[in-house]
Amino acid sequence: MRHVISTETRSARGFMDEMPELRLLFHRLNNQLGIILAHAELMHAKAPDDANRARAAQVVASTLEAMGTTRALRKQISTPIEQ
C-alpha cells in the first residue's frame, strides 16, 4: 500500500524522515564502505611493495570518495522540499 504524502508534510519534514527504509539503506551502505575502508587501510599499511601500496591507496581514496558521495546524497534527500 502506497502512502500519499502532501507537499506540506514534505516541507515540514525531510524526505528521510518519511522513508525509514531509505535511512536504513544509507546506514547499511555507510557500514559496508567503512569495512572496505578499514581493510584497504590495513592492506596499505602491510603492503610488501610500492605497487601494492599504490593499489591500496587507490581503494582508500575511492572508498572515501564514495562515502562523501553517500553523505552528499543523504544531505540532498534530507533537505525539505520547497513548495
N, C-alpha and C. Protein backbone atom coordinates (compact mmCIF):
# COMPACT_ATOMS: atom_id res chain seq x y z
N MET A 1 0.84 -1.18 0.00
CA MET A 1 0.00 0.00 0.00
C MET A 1 0.88 1.24 0.00
N ARG A 2 0.65 2.14 -0.94
CA ARG A 2 1.43 3.36 -1.05
C ARG A 2 0.79 4.46 -0.23
N HIS A 3 1.63 5.24 0.42
CA HIS A 3 1.16 6.37 1.20
C HIS A 3 1.32 7.63 0.36
N VAL A 4 0.28 8.44 0.32
CA VAL A 4 0.35 9.73 -0.36
C VAL A 4 0.81 10.76 0.66
N ILE A 5 1.88 11.48 0.32
CA ILE A 5 2.47 12.45 1.24
C ILE A 5 2.24 13.83 0.66
N SER A 6 1.60 14.68 1.42
CA SER A 6 1.30 16.02 0.93
C SER A 6 2.56 16.86 0.83
N THR A 7 2.49 17.91 0.02
CA THR A 7 3.61 18.82 -0.13
C THR A 7 3.93 19.49 1.19
N GLU A 8 2.90 19.81 1.96
CA GLU A 8 3.11 20.44 3.25
C GLU A 8 3.88 19.52 4.19
N THR A 9 3.54 18.25 4.17
CA THR A 9 4.24 17.29 5.02
C THR A 9 5.69 17.17 4.60
N ARG A 10 5.93 17.14 3.28
CA ARG A 10 7.30 17.05 2.80
C ARG A 10 8.11 18.27 3.19
N SER A 11 7.47 19.43 3.18
CA SER A 11 8.17 20.64 3.57
C SER A 11 8.44 20.66 5.05
N ALA A 12 7.54 20.15 5.84
CA ALA A 12 7.69 20.18 7.30
C ALA A 12 8.74 19.19 7.77
N ARG A 13 8.87 18.07 7.08
CA ARG A 13 9.84 17.05 7.46
C ARG A 13 10.71 16.74 6.26
N GLY A 14 11.91 16.29 6.54
CA GLY A 14 12.79 15.86 5.46
C GLY A 14 12.30 14.55 4.87
N PHE A 15 12.67 14.31 3.64
CA PHE A 15 12.26 13.09 2.95
C PHE A 15 12.75 11.85 3.69
N MET A 16 13.92 11.95 4.31
CA MET A 16 14.47 10.80 5.03
C MET A 16 13.58 10.40 6.20
N ASP A 17 12.92 11.36 6.83
CA ASP A 17 12.02 11.04 7.93
C ASP A 17 10.80 10.29 7.42
N GLU A 18 10.43 10.52 6.18
CA GLU A 18 9.27 9.86 5.59
C GLU A 18 9.59 8.45 5.10
N MET A 19 10.88 8.18 4.89
CA MET A 19 11.29 6.90 4.30
C MET A 19 12.31 6.20 5.20
N PRO A 20 11.86 5.54 6.27
CA PRO A 20 12.83 4.87 7.14
C PRO A 20 13.64 3.80 6.42
N GLU A 21 13.07 3.22 5.36
CA GLU A 21 13.81 2.20 4.60
C GLU A 21 15.02 2.84 3.91
N LEU A 22 14.84 4.07 3.44
CA LEU A 22 15.94 4.78 2.79
C LEU A 22 17.02 5.13 3.80
N ARG A 23 16.63 5.54 4.98
CA ARG A 23 17.59 5.84 6.05
C ARG A 23 18.39 4.58 6.39
N LEU A 24 17.71 3.44 6.49
CA LEU A 24 18.38 2.16 6.77
C LEU A 24 19.33 1.79 5.64
N LEU A 25 18.93 2.03 4.40
CA LEU A 25 19.78 1.73 3.25
C LEU A 25 21.07 2.56 3.29
N PHE A 26 20.97 3.85 3.59
CA PHE A 26 22.16 4.69 3.72
C PHE A 26 23.05 4.21 4.87
N HIS A 27 22.44 3.82 5.97
CA HIS A 27 23.20 3.32 7.12
C HIS A 27 23.97 2.06 6.74
N ARG A 28 23.31 1.13 6.07
CA ARG A 28 23.96 -0.12 5.67
C ARG A 28 25.08 0.14 4.67
N LEU A 29 24.83 1.03 3.71
CA LEU A 29 25.85 1.35 2.72
C LEU A 29 27.07 1.96 3.39
N ASN A 30 26.85 2.88 4.31
CA ASN A 30 27.97 3.51 5.02
C ASN A 30 28.75 2.48 5.83
N ASN A 31 28.05 1.54 6.46
CA ASN A 31 28.74 0.48 7.21
C ASN A 31 29.61 -0.37 6.28
N GLN A 32 29.08 -0.72 5.13
CA GLN A 32 29.84 -1.54 4.18
C GLN A 32 31.06 -0.78 3.65
N LEU A 33 30.89 0.50 3.37
CA LEU A 33 32.02 1.30 2.92
C LEU A 33 33.07 1.44 4.02
N GLY A 34 32.63 1.53 5.26
CA GLY A 34 33.57 1.59 6.38
C GLY A 34 34.41 0.33 6.49
N ILE A 35 33.80 -0.82 6.24
CA ILE A 35 34.54 -2.09 6.28
C ILE A 35 35.57 -2.13 5.14
N ILE A 36 35.15 -1.71 3.95
CA ILE A 36 36.07 -1.67 2.82
C ILE A 36 37.24 -0.73 3.12
N LEU A 37 36.93 0.43 3.69
CA LEU A 37 37.97 1.40 4.03
C LEU A 37 38.96 0.82 5.04
N ALA A 38 38.45 0.18 6.07
CA ALA A 38 39.34 -0.40 7.09
C ALA A 38 40.27 -1.45 6.48
N HIS A 39 39.73 -2.31 5.64
CA HIS A 39 40.57 -3.34 5.01
C HIS A 39 41.59 -2.73 4.05
N ALA A 40 41.18 -1.70 3.30
CA ALA A 40 42.11 -1.06 2.37
C ALA A 40 43.23 -0.36 3.12
N GLU A 41 42.90 0.29 4.24
CA GLU A 41 43.94 0.93 5.05
C GLU A 41 44.90 -0.10 5.63
N LEU A 42 44.38 -1.23 6.05
CA LEU A 42 45.23 -2.31 6.56
C LEU A 42 46.13 -2.86 5.45
N MET A 43 45.56 -3.06 4.27
CA MET A 43 46.36 -3.52 3.14
C MET A 43 47.46 -2.52 2.81
N HIS A 44 47.13 -1.24 2.86
CA HIS A 44 48.12 -0.20 2.58
C HIS A 44 49.26 -0.25 3.59
N ALA A 45 48.91 -0.42 4.86
CA ALA A 45 49.93 -0.43 5.91
C ALA A 45 50.82 -1.67 5.84
N LYS A 46 50.27 -2.79 5.36
CA LYS A 46 51.03 -4.04 5.35
C LYS A 46 51.52 -4.44 3.96
N ALA A 47 51.34 -3.56 2.98
CA ALA A 47 51.75 -3.90 1.61
C ALA A 47 53.25 -4.13 1.54
N PRO A 48 53.66 -5.19 0.84
CA PRO A 48 55.08 -5.53 0.78
C PRO A 48 55.89 -4.65 -0.18
N ASP A 49 55.20 -3.94 -1.09
CA ASP A 49 55.95 -3.13 -2.06
C ASP A 49 55.13 -1.90 -2.47
N ASP A 50 55.78 -1.04 -3.22
CA ASP A 50 55.15 0.22 -3.63
C ASP A 50 53.93 0.01 -4.54
N ALA A 51 54.01 -0.97 -5.42
CA ALA A 51 52.89 -1.22 -6.34
C ALA A 51 51.63 -1.60 -5.57
N ASN A 52 51.77 -2.49 -4.60
CA ASN A 52 50.61 -2.90 -3.79
C ASN A 52 50.12 -1.75 -2.90
N ARG A 53 51.06 -0.96 -2.39
CA ARG A 53 50.67 0.21 -1.58
C ARG A 53 49.88 1.20 -2.43
N ALA A 54 50.31 1.38 -3.67
CA ALA A 54 49.62 2.31 -4.58
C ALA A 54 48.20 1.81 -4.88
N ARG A 55 48.06 0.53 -5.10
CA ARG A 55 46.72 -0.05 -5.35
C ARG A 55 45.82 0.12 -4.14
N ALA A 56 46.37 -0.16 -2.97
CA ALA A 56 45.58 0.00 -1.74
C ALA A 56 45.21 1.46 -1.52
N ALA A 57 46.13 2.37 -1.84
CA ALA A 57 45.84 3.81 -1.70
C ALA A 57 44.71 4.23 -2.64
N GLN A 58 44.65 3.63 -3.82
CA GLN A 58 43.56 3.92 -4.76
C GLN A 58 42.22 3.45 -4.19
N VAL A 59 42.22 2.29 -3.57
CA VAL A 59 40.99 1.77 -2.96
C VAL A 59 40.57 2.68 -1.79
N VAL A 60 41.53 3.11 -0.99
CA VAL A 60 41.23 4.03 0.12
C VAL A 60 40.62 5.32 -0.43
N ALA A 61 41.26 5.91 -1.42
CA ALA A 61 40.77 7.17 -1.99
C ALA A 61 39.37 7.00 -2.60
N SER A 62 39.17 5.92 -3.32
CA SER A 62 37.86 5.67 -3.94
C SER A 62 36.78 5.45 -2.90
N THR A 63 37.11 4.74 -1.84
CA THR A 63 36.14 4.48 -0.78
C THR A 63 35.78 5.78 -0.07
N LEU A 64 36.77 6.61 0.21
CA LEU A 64 36.48 7.91 0.83
C LEU A 64 35.60 8.77 -0.07
N GLU A 65 35.86 8.72 -1.36
CA GLU A 65 35.03 9.46 -2.31
C GLU A 65 33.59 8.93 -2.31
N ALA A 66 33.44 7.60 -2.28
CA ALA A 66 32.10 7.00 -2.23
C ALA A 66 31.38 7.39 -0.94
N MET A 67 32.10 7.44 0.18
CA MET A 67 31.48 7.84 1.45
C MET A 67 31.04 9.30 1.38
N GLY A 68 31.84 10.14 0.74
CA GLY A 68 31.46 11.54 0.56
C GLY A 68 30.23 11.69 -0.32
N THR A 69 30.17 10.89 -1.37
CA THR A 69 29.00 10.90 -2.26
C THR A 69 27.76 10.46 -1.51
N THR A 70 27.89 9.42 -0.70
CA THR A 70 26.76 8.95 0.09
C THR A 70 26.28 10.04 1.04
N ARG A 71 27.23 10.72 1.70
CA ARG A 71 26.88 11.81 2.61
C ARG A 71 26.15 12.93 1.86
N ALA A 72 26.65 13.28 0.67
CA ALA A 72 26.03 14.34 -0.13
C ALA A 72 24.62 13.96 -0.57
N LEU A 73 24.44 12.70 -0.98
CA LEU A 73 23.11 12.22 -1.37
C LEU A 73 22.15 12.28 -0.19
N ARG A 74 22.62 11.82 0.95
CA ARG A 74 21.75 11.82 2.13
C ARG A 74 21.37 13.24 2.52
N LYS A 75 22.33 14.16 2.44
CA LYS A 75 22.05 15.55 2.77
C LYS A 75 21.04 16.13 1.79
N GLN A 76 21.23 15.83 0.50
CA GLN A 76 20.32 16.33 -0.54
C GLN A 76 18.91 15.80 -0.31
N ILE A 77 18.80 14.52 0.01
CA ILE A 77 17.49 13.90 0.20
C ILE A 77 16.85 14.39 1.51
N SER A 78 17.66 14.69 2.51
CA SER A 78 17.15 15.12 3.80
C SER A 78 16.65 16.55 3.80
N THR A 79 17.05 17.33 2.81
CA THR A 79 16.62 18.73 2.75
C THR A 79 15.14 18.78 2.42
N PRO A 80 14.37 19.55 3.20
CA PRO A 80 12.93 19.65 2.91
C PRO A 80 12.68 20.18 1.50
N ILE A 81 11.65 19.67 0.88
CA ILE A 81 11.29 20.05 -0.48
C ILE A 81 10.62 21.42 -0.45
N GLU A 82 11.06 22.31 -1.33
CA GLU A 82 10.48 23.66 -1.41
C GLU A 82 9.12 23.57 -2.09
N GLN A 83 8.22 24.46 -1.70
CA GLN A 83 6.91 24.49 -2.33
C GLN A 83 6.92 25.32 -3.57
